[in-house]
Amino acid sequence: MDFFEEFRYSLRMATRRTAVLDPIACCSPVRSNSLDEDQAETLAQSFAALADPIRLRLLSFVASANDEVCACDLVEPSGRSQPTVSHHMKILVDAGLVTREKRGLWVWYRAVPSRLDALRAVLG
């Protein structure tokens, strides 16, 4: 294994993800029971992230990609500057709708289908 292969291997091992229970998946649909304060707060954060047209477009772009999208590819379709795109993507990441992985100089984003499905189920 040469230096570069070893470096790539160590990066992959450093970015392993651990399974985390999705707090939204535990919420019952809003029409079935009253939400408690914690559930309402968790849901509000996720829905607030979706309440901006630019973030909806960015999420749509990332979710429609086959696998993942480089941050450099989000600037042109959004029509926003790179710092603005990074700000909006941070909000989507904090809401759990997108994951990010930094590789060298670039950040790669991937949608979290289970979180999107959980939000859809809560509205059901």
PDB file of N, CA and C in Angstrom:
ATOM      1  N   MET A   1       0.854  -1.173   0.000  1.00  0.00           N
ATOM      2  CA  MET A   1       0.000   0.000   0.000  1.00  0.00           C
ATOM      3  C   MET A   1       0.902   1.239   0.000  1.00  0.00           C
ATOM      4  N   ASP A   2       0.750   2.064  -1.029  1.00  0.00           N
ATOM      5  CA  ASP A   2       1.568   3.271  -1.081  1.00  0.00           C
ATOM      6  C   ASP A   2       0.969   4.361  -0.184  1.00  0.00           C
ATOM      7  N   PHE A   3       1.646   5.481  -0.112  1.00  0.00           N
ATOM      8  CA  PHE A   3       1.235   6.572   0.773  1.00  0.00           C
ATOM      9  C   PHE A   3      -0.188   7.040   0.486  1.00  0.00           C
ATOM     10  N   PHE A   4      -0.523   7.207  -0.804  1.00  0.00           N
ATOM     11  CA  PHE A   4      -1.836   7.748  -1.157  1.00  0.00           C
ATOM     12  C   PHE A   4      -2.957   6.753  -0.854  1.00  0.00           C
ATOM     13  N   GLU A   5      -2.713   5.472  -1.102  1.00  0.00           N
ATOM     14  CA  GLU A   5      -3.722   4.465  -0.769  1.00  0.00           C
ATOM     15  C   GLU A   5      -3.939   4.422   0.739  1.00  0.00           C
ATOM     16  N   GLU A   6      -2.864   4.492   1.494  1.00  0.00           N
ATOM     17  CA  GLU A   6      -2.975   4.483   2.952  1.00  0.00           C
ATOM     18  C   GLU A   6      -3.729   5.720   3.441  1.00  0.00           C
ATOM     19  N   PHE A   7      -3.458   6.869   2.825  1.00  0.00           N
ATOM     20  CA  PHE A   7      -4.137   8.105   3.190  1.00  0.00           C
ATOM     21  C   PHE A   7      -5.638   7.996   2.897  1.00  0.00           C
ATOM     22  N   ARG A   8      -5.996   7.495   1.725  1.00  0.00           N
ATOM     23  CA  ARG A   8      -7.413   7.323   1.381  1.00  0.00           C
ATOM     24  C   ARG A   8      -8.097   6.350   2.341  1.00  0.00           C
ATOM     25  N   TYR A   9      -7.412   5.267   2.685  1.00  0.00           N
ATOM     26  CA  TYR A   9      -7.975   4.305   3.622  1.00  0.00           C
ATOM     27  C   TYR A   9      -8.210   4.949   4.989  1.00  0.00           C
ATOM     28  N   SER A  10      -7.239   5.734   5.462  1.00  0.00           N
ATOM     29  CA  SER A  10      -7.398   6.368   6.772  1.00  0.00           C
ATOM     30  C   SER A  10      -8.526   7.394   6.742  1.00  0.00           C
ATOM     31  N   LEU A  11      -8.729   8.085   5.619  1.00  0.00           N
ATOM     32  CA  LEU A  11      -9.847   9.026   5.500  1.00  0.00           C
ATOM     33  C   LEU A  11     -11.183   8.296   5.564  1.00  0.00           C
ATOM     34  N   ARG A  12     -11.268   7.166   4.858  1.00  0.00           N
ATOM     35  CA  ARG A  12     -12.517   6.397   4.893  1.00  0.00           C
ATOM     36  C   ARG A  12     -12.818   5.904   6.302  1.00  0.00           C
ATOM     37  N   MET A  13     -11.814   5.452   7.003  1.00  0.00           N
ATOM     38  CA  MET A  13     -12.021   4.945   8.351  1.00  0.00           C
ATOM     39  C   MET A  13     -12.397   6.083   9.303  1.00  0.00           C
ATOM     40  N   ALA A  14     -11.858   7.270   9.074  1.00  0.00           N
ATOM     41  CA  ALA A  14     -12.138   8.410   9.952  1.00  0.00           C
ATOM     42  C   ALA A  14     -13.535   8.955   9.734  1.00  0.00           C
ATOM     43  N   THR A  15     -14.132   8.693   8.571  1.00  0.00           N
ATOM     44  CA  THR A  15     -15.454   9.248   8.271  1.00  0.00           C
ATOM     45  C   THR A  15     -16.559   8.215   8.429  1.00  0.00           C
ATOM     46  N   ARG A  16     -16.275   7.105   9.058  1.00  0.00           N
ATOM     47  CA  ARG A  16     -17.337   6.120   9.290  1.00  0.00           C
ATOM     48  C   ARG A  16     -18.445   6.735  10.114  1.00  0.00           C
ATOM     49  N   ARG A  17     -19.649   6.370   9.777  1.00  0.00           N
ATOM     50  CA  ARG A  17     -20.802   6.924  10.475  1.00  0.00           C
ATOM     51  C   ARG A  17     -21.346   5.899  11.462  1.00  0.00           C
ATOM     52  N   THR A  18     -21.857   6.390  12.556  1.00  0.00           N
ATOM     53  CA  THR A  18     -22.490   5.512  13.522  1.00  0.00           C
ATOM     54  C   THR A  18     -24.000   5.675  13.406  1.00  0.00           C
ATOM     55  N   ALA A  19     -24.716   4.619  13.698  1.00  0.00           N
ATOM     56  CA  ALA A  19     -26.168   4.660  13.623  1.00  0.00           C
ATOM     57  C   ALA A  19     -26.719   5.490  14.774  1.00  0.00           C
ATOM     58  N   VAL A  20     -27.615   6.384  14.438  1.00  0.00           N
ATOM     59  CA  VAL A  20     -28.247   7.241  15.428  1.00  0.00           C
ATOM     60  C   VAL A  20     -29.752   7.134  15.233  1.00  0.00           C
ATOM     61  N   LEU A  21     -30.489   6.991  16.315  1.00  0.00           N
ATOM     62  CA  LEU A  21     -31.935   6.931  16.204  1.00  0.00           C
ATOM     63  C   LEU A  21     -32.474   8.285  15.775  1.00  0.00           C
ATOM     64  N   ASP A  22     -33.355   8.284  14.812  1.00  0.00           N
ATOM     65  CA  ASP A  22     -33.935   9.516  14.302  1.00  0.00           C
ATOM     66  C   ASP A  22     -35.057   9.942  15.243  1.00  0.00           C
ATOM     67  N   PRO A  23     -34.939  11.114  15.877  1.00  0.00           N
ATOM     68  CA  PRO A  23     -35.971  11.539  16.818  1.00  0.00           C
ATOM     69  C   PRO A  23     -37.308  11.791  16.133  1.00  0.00           C
ATOM     70  N   ILE A  24     -37.301  12.105  14.865  1.00  0.00           N
ATOM     71  CA  ILE A  24     -38.559  12.359  14.155  1.00  0.00           C
ATOM     72  C   ILE A  24     -39.295  11.062  13.875  1.00  0.00           C
ATOM     73  N   ALA A  25     -38.544   9.987  13.656  1.00  0.00           N
ATOM     74  CA  ALA A  25     -39.182   8.701  13.376  1.00  0.00           C
ATOM     75  C   ALA A  25     -40.037   8.232  14.552  1.00  0.00           C
ATOM     76  N   CYS A  26     -39.752   8.738  15.730  1.00  0.00           N
ATOM     77  CA  CYS A  26     -40.507   8.351  16.925  1.00  0.00           C
ATOM     78  C   CYS A  26     -41.768   9.183  17.119  1.00  0.00           C
ATOM     79  N   CYS A  27     -41.921  10.242  16.327  1.00  0.00           N
ATOM     80  CA  CYS A  27     -43.100  11.108  16.460  1.00  0.00           C
ATOM     81  C   CYS A  27     -44.304  10.467  15.786  1.00  0.00           C
ATOM     82  N   SER A  28     -45.443  10.604  16.428  1.00  0.00           N
ATOM     83  CA  SER A  28     -46.670  10.097  15.808  1.00  0.00           C
ATOM     84  C   SER A  28     -47.191  11.153  14.836  1.00  0.00           C
ATOM     85  N   PRO A  29     -48.009  10.744  13.866  1.00  0.00           N
ATOM     86  CA  PRO A  29     -48.571  11.725  12.930  1.00  0.00           C
ATOM     87  C   PRO A  29     -49.296  12.842  13.672  1.00  0.00           C
ATOM     88  N   VAL A  30     -49.216  14.045  13.137  1.00  0.00           N
ATOM     89  CA  VAL A  30     -49.781  15.201  13.830  1.00  0.00           C
ATOM     90  C   VAL A  30     -51.294  15.109  13.977  1.00  0.00           C
ATOM     91  N   ARG A  31     -51.956  14.323  13.147  1.00  0.00           N
ATOM     92  CA  ARG A  31     -53.414  14.203  13.254  1.00  0.00           C
ATOM     93  C   ARG A  31     -53.857  13.166  14.274  1.00  0.00           C
ATOM     94  N   SER A  32     -52.939  12.328  14.765  1.00  0.00           N
ATOM     95  CA  SER A  32     -53.358  11.257  15.660  1.00  0.00           C
ATOM     96  C   SER A  32     -53.309  11.649  17.137  1.00  0.00           C
ATOM     97  N   ASN A  33     -52.275  12.321  17.554  1.00  0.00           N
ATOM     98  CA  ASN A  33     -52.107  12.706  18.963  1.00  0.00           C
ATOM     99  C   ASN A  33     -51.548  14.117  19.040  1.00  0.00           C
ATOM    100  N   SER A  34     -51.687  14.713  20.203  1.00  0.00           N
ATOM    101  CA  SER A  34     -51.043  16.004  20.417  1.00  0.00           C
ATOM    102  C   SER A  34     -49.554  15.778  20.606  1.00  0.00           C
ATOM    103  N   LEU A  35     -48.752  16.654  20.031  1.00  0.00           N
ATOM    104  CA  LEU A  35     -47.303  16.552  20.171  1.00  0.00           C
ATOM    105  C   LEU A  35     -46.882  17.123  21.513  1.00  0.00           C
ATOM    106  N   ASP A  36     -45.884  16.478  22.140  1.00  0.00           N
ATOM    107  CA  ASP A  36     -45.339  17.076  23.347  1.00  0.00           C
ATOM    108  C   ASP A  36     -44.337  18.158  22.936  1.00  0.00           C
ATOM    109  N   GLU A  37     -43.812  18.886  23.888  1.00  0.00           N
ATOM    110  CA  GLU A  37     -42.952  20.029  23.601  1.00  0.00           C
ATOM    111  C   GLU A  37     -41.675  19.626  22.857  1.00  0.00           C
ATOM    112  N   ASP A  38     -41.054  18.525  23.277  1.00  0.00           N
ATOM    113  CA  ASP A  38     -39.818  18.078  22.624  1.00  0.00           C
ATOM    114  C   ASP A  38     -40.065  17.662  21.173  1.00  0.00           C
ATOM    115  N   GLN A  39     -41.148  16.927  20.946  1.00  0.00           N
ATOM    116  CA  GLN A  39     -41.473  16.514  19.577  1.00  0.00           C
ATOM    117  C   GLN A  39     -41.748  17.729  18.698  1.00  0.00           C
ATOM    118  N   ALA A  40     -42.485  18.670  19.217  1.00  0.00           N
ATOM    119  CA  ALA A  40     -42.805  19.866  18.447  1.00  0.00           C
ATOM    120  C   ALA A  40     -41.539  20.655  18.108  1.00  0.00           C
ATOM    121  N   GLU A  41     -40.621  20.750  19.050  1.00  0.00           N
ATOM    122  CA  GLU A  41     -39.364  21.468  18.807  1.00  0.00           C
ATOM    123  C   GLU A  41     -38.531  20.784  17.726  1.00  0.00           C
ATOM    124  N   THR A  42     -38.436  19.467  17.805  1.00  0.00           N
ATOM    125  CA  THR A  42     -37.668  18.708  16.818  1.00  0.00           C
ATOM    126  C   THR A  42     -38.270  18.853  15.427  1.00  0.00           C
ATOM    127  N   LEU A  43     -39.576  18.720  15.348  1.00  0.00           N
ATOM    128  CA  LEU A  43     -40.247  18.867  14.053  1.00  0.00           C
ATOM    129  C   LEU A  43     -40.128  20.287  13.510  1.00  0.00           C
ATOM    130  N   ALA A  44     -40.263  21.270  14.386  1.00  0.00           N
ATOM    131  CA  ALA A  44     -40.191  22.669  13.955  1.00  0.00           C
ATOM    132  C   ALA A  44     -38.825  22.979  13.349  1.00  0.00           C
ATOM    133  N   GLN A  45     -37.756  22.439  13.915  1.00  0.00           N
ATOM    134  CA  GLN A  45     -36.424  22.681  13.370  1.00  0.00           C
ATOM    135  C   GLN A  45     -36.308  22.121  11.953  1.00  0.00           C
ATOM    136  N   SER A  46     -36.818  20.922  11.745  1.00  0.00           N
ATOM    137  CA  SER A  46     -36.736  20.318  10.415  1.00  0.00           C
ATOM    138  C   SER A  46     -37.599  21.055   9.406  1.00  0.00           C
ATOM    139  N   PHE A  47     -38.824  21.403   9.812  1.00  0.00           N
ATOM    140  CA  PHE A  47     -39.704  22.102   8.882  1.00  0.00           C
ATOM    141  C   PHE A  47     -39.228  23.534   8.624  1.00  0.00           C
ATOM    142  N   ALA A  48     -38.599  24.165   9.612  1.00  0.00           N
ATOM    143  CA  ALA A  48     -38.057  25.508   9.410  1.00  0.00           C
ATOM    144  C   ALA A  48     -36.940  25.478   8.365  1.00  0.00           C
ATOM    145  N   ALA A  49     -36.167  24.399   8.369  1.00  0.00           N
ATOM    146  CA  ALA A  49     -35.108  24.268   7.367  1.00  0.00           C
ATOM    147  C   ALA A  49     -35.694  24.172   5.965  1.00  0.00           C
ATOM    148  N   LEU A  50     -36.891  23.639   5.857  1.00  0.00           N
ATOM    149  CA  LEU A  50     -37.549  23.489   4.558  1.00  0.00           C
ATOM    150  C   LEU A  50     -38.369  24.708   4.168  1.00  0.00           C
ATOM    151  N   ALA A  51     -38.461  25.692   5.044  1.00  0.00           N
ATOM    152  CA  ALA A  51     -39.332  26.847   4.815  1.00  0.00           C
ATOM    153  C   ALA A  51     -38.702  27.924   3.947  1.00  0.00           C
ATOM    154  N   ASP A  52     -37.532  27.675   3.425  1.00  0.00           N
ATOM    155  CA  ASP A  52     -36.854  28.652   2.583  1.00  0.00           C
ATOM    156  C   ASP A  52     -36.749  28.093   1.158  1.00  0.00           C
ATOM    157  N   PRO A  53     -37.143  28.864   0.151  1.00  0.00           N
ATOM    158  CA  PRO A  53     -37.114  28.357  -1.234  1.00  0.00           C
ATOM    159  C   PRO A  53     -35.721  27.933  -1.709  1.00  0.00           C
ATOM    160  N   ILE A  54     -34.693  28.633  -1.294  1.00  0.00           N
ATOM    161  CA  ILE A  54     -33.337  28.254  -1.710  1.00  0.00           C
ATOM    162  C   ILE A  54     -32.960  26.909  -1.105  1.00  0.00           C
ATOM    163  N   ARG A  55     -33.275  26.710   0.179  1.00  0.00           N
ATOM    164  CA  ARG A  55     -32.951  25.428   0.815  1.00  0.00           C
ATOM    165  C   ARG A  55     -33.757  24.292   0.190  1.00  0.00           C
ATOM    166  N   LEU A  56     -34.996  24.561  -0.174  1.00  0.00           N
ATOM    167  CA  LEU A  56     -35.782  23.525  -0.853  1.00  0.00           C
ATOM    168  C   LEU A  56     -35.141  23.150  -2.187  1.00  0.00           C
ATOM    169  N   ARG A  57     -34.679  24.139  -2.919  1.00  0.00           N
ATOM    170  CA  ARG A  57     -34.020  23.861  -4.205  1.00  0.00           C
ATOM    171  C   ARG A  57     -32.721  23.094  -3.985  1.00  0.00           C
ATOM    172  N   LEU A  58     -31.931  23.499  -2.997  1.00  0.00           N
ATOM    173  CA  LEU A  58     -30.684  22.795  -2.721  1.00  0.00           C
ATOM    174  C   LEU A  58     -30.954  21.354  -2.289  1.00  0.00           C
ATOM    175  N   LEU A  59     -31.927  21.162  -1.410  1.00  0.00           N
ATOM    176  CA  LEU A  59     -32.277  19.812  -0.977  1.00  0.00           C
ATOM    177  C   LEU A  59     -32.752  18.975  -2.159  1.00  0.00           C
ATOM    178  N   SER A  60     -33.555  19.564  -3.015  1.00  0.00           N
ATOM    179  CA  SER A  60     -34.044  18.853  -4.195  1.00  0.00           C
ATOM    180  C   SER A  60     -32.890  18.441  -5.095  1.00  0.00           C
ATOM    181  N   PHE A  61     -31.937  19.336  -5.281  1.00  0.00           N
ATOM    182  CA  PHE A  61     -30.777  19.035  -6.123  1.00  0.00           C
ATOM    183  C   PHE A  61     -29.965  17.884  -5.529  1.00  0.00           C
ATOM    184  N   VAL A  62     -29.733  17.925  -4.227  1.00  0.00           N
ATOM    185  CA  VAL A  62     -28.950  16.877  -3.568  1.00  0.00           C
ATOM    186  C   VAL A  62     -29.720  15.557  -3.564  1.00  0.00           C
ATOM    187  N   ALA A  63     -31.015  15.610  -3.250  1.00  0.00           N
ATOM    188  CA  ALA A  63     -31.816  14.388  -3.164  1.00  0.00           C
ATOM    189  C   ALA A  63     -31.997  13.721  -4.528  1.00  0.00           C
ATOM    190  N   SER A  64     -32.000  14.510  -5.594  1.00  0.00           N
ATOM    191  CA  SER A  64     -32.200  13.927  -6.917  1.00  0.00           C
ATOM    192  C   SER A  64     -30.906  13.376  -7.506  1.00  0.00           C
ATOM    193  N   ALA A  65     -29.776  13.660  -6.882  1.00  0.00           N
ATOM    194  CA  ALA A  65     -28.498  13.104  -7.348  1.00  0.00           C
ATOM    195  C   ALA A  65     -28.465  11.610  -7.060  1.00  0.00           C
ATOM    196  N   ASN A  66     -27.730  10.894  -7.854  1.00  0.00           N
ATOM    197  CA  ASN A  66     -27.636   9.446  -7.669  1.00  0.00           C
ATOM    198  C   ASN A  66     -26.998   9.070  -6.344  1.00  0.00           C
ATOM    199  N   ASP A  67     -25.982   9.811  -5.934  1.00  0.00           N
ATOM    200  CA  ASP A  67     -25.281   9.438  -4.715  1.00  0.00           C
ATOM    201  C   ASP A  67     -24.998  10.654  -3.842  1.00  0.00           C
ATOM    202  N   GLU A  68     -24.071  11.478  -4.258  1.00  0.00           N
ATOM    203  CA  GLU A  68     -23.691  12.639  -3.477  1.00  0.00           C
ATOM    204  C   GLU A  68     -23.335  13.785  -4.414  1.00  0.00           C
ATOM    205  N   VAL A  69     -23.297  14.991  -3.849  1.00  0.00           N
ATOM    206  CA  VAL A  69     -23.052  16.184  -4.650  1.00  0.00           C
ATOM    207  C   VAL A  69     -21.954  16.998  -3.985  1.00  0.00           C
ATOM    208  N   CYS A  70     -21.029  17.469  -4.788  1.00  0.00           N
ATOM    209  CA  CYS A  70     -19.957  18.337  -4.296  1.00  0.00           C
ATOM    210  C   CYS A  70     -20.520  19.739  -4.086  1.00  0.00           C
ATOM    211  N   ALA A  71     -20.055  20.408  -3.051  1.00  0.00           N
ATOM    212  CA  ALA A  71     -20.495  21.777  -2.773  1.00  0.00           C
ATOM    213  C   ALA A  71     -20.224  22.688  -3.964  1.00  0.00           C
ATOM    214  N   CYS A  72     -19.162  22.413  -4.687  1.00  0.00           N
ATOM    215  CA  CYS A  72     -18.820  23.241  -5.842  1.00  0.00           C
ATOM    216  C   CYS A  72     -19.886  23.163  -6.934  1.00  0.00           C
ATOM    217  N   ASP A  73     -20.672  22.091  -6.955  1.00  0.00           N
ATOM    218  CA  ASP A  73     -21.721  21.922  -7.962  1.00  0.00           C
ATOM    219  C   ASP A  73     -23.057  22.534  -7.547  1.00  0.00           C
ATOM    220  N   LEU A  74     -23.138  23.107  -6.355  1.00  0.00           N
ATOM    221  CA  LEU A  74     -24.395  23.681  -5.879  1.00  0.00           C
ATOM    222  C   LEU A  74     -24.503  25.185  -6.121  1.00  0.00           C
ATOM    223  N   VAL A  75     -23.402  25.823  -6.416  1.00  0.00           N
ATOM    224  CA  VAL A  75     -23.397  27.284  -6.568  1.00  0.00           C
ATOM    225  C   VAL A  75     -24.171  27.716  -7.807  1.00  0.00           C
ATOM    226  N   GLU A  76     -23.830  27.153  -8.956  1.00  0.00           N
ATOM    227  CA  GLU A  76     -24.466  27.574 -10.204  1.00  0.00           C
ATOM    228  C   GLU A  76     -25.975  27.311 -10.237  1.00  0.00           C
ATOM    229  N   PRO A  77     -26.447  26.100  -9.907  1.00  0.00           N
ATOM    230  CA  PRO A  77     -27.902  25.880  -9.989  1.00  0.00           C
ATOM    231  C   PRO A  77     -28.708  26.706  -8.993  1.00  0.00           C
ATOM    232  N   SER A  78     -28.094  27.075  -7.870  1.00  0.00           N
ATOM    233  CA  SER A  78     -28.834  27.861  -6.879  1.00  0.00           C
ATOM    234  C   SER A  78     -28.848  29.343  -7.226  1.00  0.00           C
ATOM    235  N   GLY A  79     -27.867  29.771  -8.019  1.00  0.00           N
ATOM    236  CA  GLY A  79     -27.773  31.189  -8.347  1.00  0.00           C
ATOM    237  C   GLY A  79     -27.319  32.042  -7.176  1.00  0.00           C
ATOM    238  N   ARG A  80     -26.696  31.424  -6.189  1.00  0.00           N
ATOM    239  CA  ARG A  80     -26.223  32.125  -4.998  1.00  0.00           C
ATOM    240  C   ARG A  80     -24.714  31.994  -4.893  1.00  0.00           C
ATOM    241  N   SER A  81     -24.115  32.818  -4.070  1.00  0.00           N
ATOM    242  CA  SER A  81     -22.669  32.750  -3.869  1.00  0.00           C
ATOM    243  C   SER A  81     -22.314  31.526  -3.030  1.00  0.00           C
ATOM    244  N   GLN A  82     -21.045  31.150  -3.072  1.00  0.00           N
ATOM    245  CA  GLN A  82     -20.598  29.982  -2.321  1.00  0.00           C
ATOM    246  C   GLN A  82     -20.827  30.128  -0.820  1.00  0.00           C
ATOM    247  N   PRO A  83     -20.542  31.301  -0.191  1.00  0.00           N
ATOM    248  CA  PRO A  83     -20.814  31.425   1.245  1.00  0.00           C
ATOM    249  C   PRO A  83     -22.306  31.289   1.578  1.00  0.00           C
ATOM    250  N   THR A  84     -23.174  31.785   0.704  1.00  0.00           N
ATOM    251  CA  THR A  84     -24.615  31.671   0.935  1.00  0.00           C
ATOM    252  C   THR A  84     -25.055  30.219   0.828  1.00  0.00           C
ATOM    253  N   VAL A  85     -24.539  29.512  -0.177  1.00  0.00           N
ATOM    254  CA  VAL A  85     -24.860  28.085  -0.325  1.00  0.00           C
ATOM    255  C   VAL A  85     -24.390  27.319   0.905  1.00  0.00           C
ATOM    256  N   SER A  86     -23.178  27.599   1.372  1.00  0.00           N
ATOM    257  CA  SER A  86     -22.655  26.915   2.567  1.00  0.00           C
ATOM    258  C   SER A  86     -23.533  27.179   3.786  1.00  0.00           C
ATOM    259  N   HIS A  87     -23.997  28.396   3.941  1.00  0.00           N
ATOM    260  CA  HIS A  87     -24.883  28.740   5.059  1.00  0.00           C
ATOM    261  C   HIS A  87     -26.174  27.918   5.005  1.00  0.00           C
ATOM    262  N   HIS A  88     -26.792  27.880   3.844  1.00  0.00           N
ATOM    263  CA  HIS A  88     -28.050  27.134   3.707  1.00  0.00           C
ATOM    264  C   HIS A  88     -27.839  25.631   3.870  1.00  0.00           C
ATOM    265  N   MET A  89     -26.719  25.123   3.370  1.00  0.00           N
ATOM    266  CA  MET A  89     -26.448  23.692   3.520  1.00  0.00           C
ATOM    267  C   MET A  89     -26.184  23.345   4.982  1.00  0.00           C
ATOM    268  N   LYS A  90     -25.571  24.240   5.742  1.00  0.00           N
ATOM    269  CA  LYS A  90     -25.356  23.999   7.170  1.00  0.00           C
ATOM    270  C   LYS A  90     -26.691  23.859   7.896  1.00  0.00           C
ATOM    271  N   ILE A  91     -27.651  24.675   7.517  1.00  0.00           N
ATOM    272  CA  ILE A  91     -28.982  24.582   8.136  1.00  0.00           C
ATOM    273  C   ILE A  91     -29.621  23.234   7.808  1.00  0.00           C
ATOM    274  N   LEU A  92     -29.486  22.782   6.570  1.00  0.00           N
ATOM    275  CA  LEU A  92     -30.025  21.473   6.189  1.00  0.00           C
ATOM    276  C   LEU A  92     -29.308  20.340   6.916  1.00  0.00           C
ATOM    277  N   VAL A  93     -28.010  20.471   7.096  1.00  0.00           N
ATOM    278  CA  VAL A  93     -27.245  19.457   7.838  1.00  0.00           C
ATOM    279  C   VAL A  93     -27.674  19.448   9.301  1.00  0.00           C
ATOM    280  N   ASP A  94     -27.789  20.624   9.918  1.00  0.00           N
ATOM    281  CA  ASP A  94     -28.196  20.713  11.320  1.00  0.00           C
ATOM    282  C   ASP A  94     -29.595  20.146  11.549  1.00  0.00           C
ATOM    283  N   ALA A  95     -30.445  20.242  10.540  1.00  0.00           N
ATOM    284  CA  ALA A  95     -31.798  19.692  10.648  1.00  0.00           C
ATOM    285  C   ALA A  95     -31.826  18.189  10.386  1.00  0.00           C
ATOM    286  N   GLY A  96     -30.689  17.618   9.995  1.00  0.00           N
ATOM    287  CA  GLY A  96     -30.618  16.180   9.754  1.00  0.00           C
ATOM    288  C   GLY A  96     -31.141  15.750   8.403  1.00  0.00           C
ATOM    289  N   LEU A  97     -31.377  16.687   7.504  1.00  0.00           N
ATOM    290  CA  LEU A  97     -31.921  16.355   6.191  1.00  0.00           C
ATOM    291  C   LEU A  97     -30.833  15.971   5.199  1.00  0.00           C
ATOM    292  N   VAL A  98     -29.599  16.395   5.484  1.00  0.00           N
ATOM    293  CA  VAL A  98     -28.456  16.156   4.606  1.00  0.00           C
ATOM    294  C   VAL A  98     -27.255  15.844   5.481  1.00  0.00           C
ATOM    295  N   THR A  99     -26.380  14.974   4.999  1.00  0.00           N
ATOM    296  CA  THR A  99     -25.106  14.744   5.678  1.00  0.00           C
ATOM    297  C   THR A  99     -24.006  15.364   4.834  1.00  0.00           C
ATOM    298  N   ARG A 100     -22.901  15.659   5.472  1.00  0.00           N
ATOM    299  CA  ARG A 100     -21.768  16.205   4.726  1.00  0.00           C
ATOM    300  C   ARG A 100     -20.506  15.455   5.115  1.00  0.00           C
ATOM    301  N   GLU A 101     -19.611  15.389   4.146  1.00  0.00           N
ATOM    302  CA  GLU A 101     -18.322  14.745   4.367  1.00  0.00           C
ATOM    303  C   GLU A 101     -17.266  15.597   3.689  1.00  0.00           C
ATOM    304  N   LYS A 102     -16.290  16.022   4.448  1.00  0.00           N
ATOM    305  CA  LYS A 102     -15.216  16.851   3.887  1.00  0.00           C
ATOM    306  C   LYS A 102     -14.117  15.933   3.377  1.00  0.00           C
ATOM    307  N   ARG A 103     -13.755  16.146   2.124  1.00  0.00           N
ATOM    308  CA  ARG A 103     -12.647  15.402   1.509  1.00  0.00           C
ATOM    309  C   ARG A 103     -11.691  16.413   0.900  1.00  0.00           C
ATOM    310  N   GLY A 104     -10.577  16.578   1.530  1.00  0.00           N
ATOM    311  CA  GLY A 104      -9.610  17.563   1.045  1.00  0.00           C
ATOM    312  C   GLY A 104     -10.201  18.951   1.138  1.00  0.00           C
ATOM    313  N   LEU A 105     -10.246  19.648   0.014  1.00  0.00           N
ATOM    314  CA  LEU A 105     -10.778  21.002  -0.014  1.00  0.00           C
ATOM    315  C   LEU A 105     -12.282  21.045  -0.211  1.00  0.00           C
ATOM    316  N   TRP A 106     -12.880  19.935  -0.608  1.00  0.00           N
ATOM    317  CA  TRP A 106     -14.295  19.935  -0.986  1.00  0.00           C
ATOM    318  C   TRP A 106     -15.165  19.262   0.067  1.00  0.00           C
ATOM    319  N   VAL A 107     -16.411  19.693   0.100  1.00  0.00           N
ATOM    320  CA  VAL A 107     -17.420  19.078   0.963  1.00  0.00           C
ATOM    321  C   VAL A 107     -18.432  18.395   0.054  1.00  0.00           C
ATOM    322  N   TRP A 108     -18.775  17.177   0.400  1.00  0.00           N
ATOM    323  CA  TRP A 108     -19.737  16.392  -0.374  1.00  0.00           C
ATOM    324  C   TRP A 108     -20.991  16.204   0.464  1.00  0.00           C
ATOM    325  N   TYR A 109     -22.143  16.398  -0.154  1.00  0.00           N
ATOM    326  CA  TYR A 109     -23.433  16.313   0.535  1.00  0.00           C
ATOM    327  C   TYR A 109     -24.233  15.128   0.022  1.00  0.00           C
ATOM    328  N   ARG A 110     -24.991  14.553   0.927  1.00  0.00           N
ATOM    329  CA  ARG A 110     -25.849  13.415   0.599  1.00  0.00           C
ATOM    330  C   ARG A 110     -27.160  13.581   1.360  1.00  0.00           C
ATOM    331  N   ALA A 111     -28.278  13.362   0.693  1.00  0.00           N
ATOM    332  CA  ALA A 111     -29.586  13.446   1.345  1.00  0.00           C
ATOM    333  C   ALA A 111     -29.758  12.279   2.313  1.00  0.00           C
ATOM    334  N   VAL A 112     -30.598  12.481   3.319  1.00  0.00           N
ATOM    335  CA  VAL A 112     -30.905  11.431   4.293  1.00  0.00           C
ATOM    336  C   VAL A 112     -32.351  11.003   4.036  1.00  0.00           C
ATOM    337  N   PRO A 113     -32.551   9.977   3.185  1.00  0.00           N
ATOM    338  CA  PRO A 113     -33.910   9.579   2.820  1.00  0.00           C
ATOM    339  C   PRO A 113     -34.780   9.190   4.012  1.00  0.00           C
ATOM    340  N   SER A 114     -34.178   8.581   5.028  1.00  0.00           N
ATOM    341  CA  SER A 114     -34.972   8.158   6.181  1.00  0.00           C
ATOM    342  C   SER A 114     -35.567   9.367   6.902  1.00  0.00           C
ATOM    343  N   ARG A 115     -34.825  10.489   6.974  1.00  0.00           N
ATOM    344  CA  ARG A 115     -35.344  11.701   7.624  1.00  0.00           C
ATOM    345  C   ARG A 115     -36.471  12.303   6.788  1.00  0.00           C
ATOM    346  N   LEU A 116     -36.301  12.317   5.471  1.00  0.00           N
ATOM    347  CA  LEU A 116     -37.353  12.843   4.595  1.00  0.00           C
ATOM    348  C   LEU A 116     -38.610  11.978   4.699  1.00  0.00           C
ATOM    349  N   ASP A 117     -38.426  10.666   4.742  1.00  0.00           N
ATOM    350  CA  ASP A 117     -39.568   9.746   4.905  1.00  0.00           C
ATOM    351  C   ASP A 117     -40.251   9.946   6.256  1.00  0.00           C
ATOM    352  N   ALA A 118     -39.463  10.173   7.308  1.00  0.00           N
ATOM    353  CA  ALA A 118     -40.042  10.389   8.649  1.00  0.00           C
ATOM    354  C   ALA A 118     -40.870  11.658   8.675  1.00  0.00           C
ATOM    355  N   LEU A 119     -40.381  12.727   8.037  1.00  0.00           N
ATOM    356  CA  LEU A 119     -41.162  13.963   7.993  1.00  0.00           C
ATOM    357  C   LEU A 119     -42.462  13.766   7.217  1.00  0.00           C
ATOM    358  N   ARG A 120     -42.373  13.027   6.126  1.00  0.00           N
ATOM    359  CA  ARG A 120     -43.577  12.735   5.345  1.00  0.00           C
ATOM    360  C   ARG A 120     -44.581  11.934   6.185  1.00  0.00           C
ATOM    361  N   ALA A 121     -44.087  10.972   6.950  1.00  0.00           N
ATOM    362  CA  ALA A 121     -44.971  10.131   7.773  1.00  0.00           C
ATOM    363  C   ALA A 121     -45.643  10.945   8.877  1.00  0.00           C
ATOM    364  N   VAL A 122     -44.934  11.914   9.448  1.00  0.00           N
ATOM    365  CA  VAL A 122     -45.510  12.738  10.508  1.00  0.00           C
ATOM    366  C   VAL A 122     -46.670  13.554   9.988  1.00  0.00           C
ATOM    367  N   LEU A 123     -46.578  13.995   8.743  1.00  0.00           N
ATOM    368  CA  LEU A 123     -47.679  14.780   8.160  1.00  0.00           C
ATOM    369  C   LEU A 123     -48.866  13.912   7.784  1.00  0.00           C
ATOM    370  N   GLY A 124     -48.629  12.591   7.671  1.00  0.00           N
ATOM    371  CA  GLY A 124     -49.672  11.670   7.229  1.00  0.00           C
ATOM    372  C   GLY A 124     -50.743  11.528   8.214  1.00  0.00           C
TER     373      GLY A 124
END
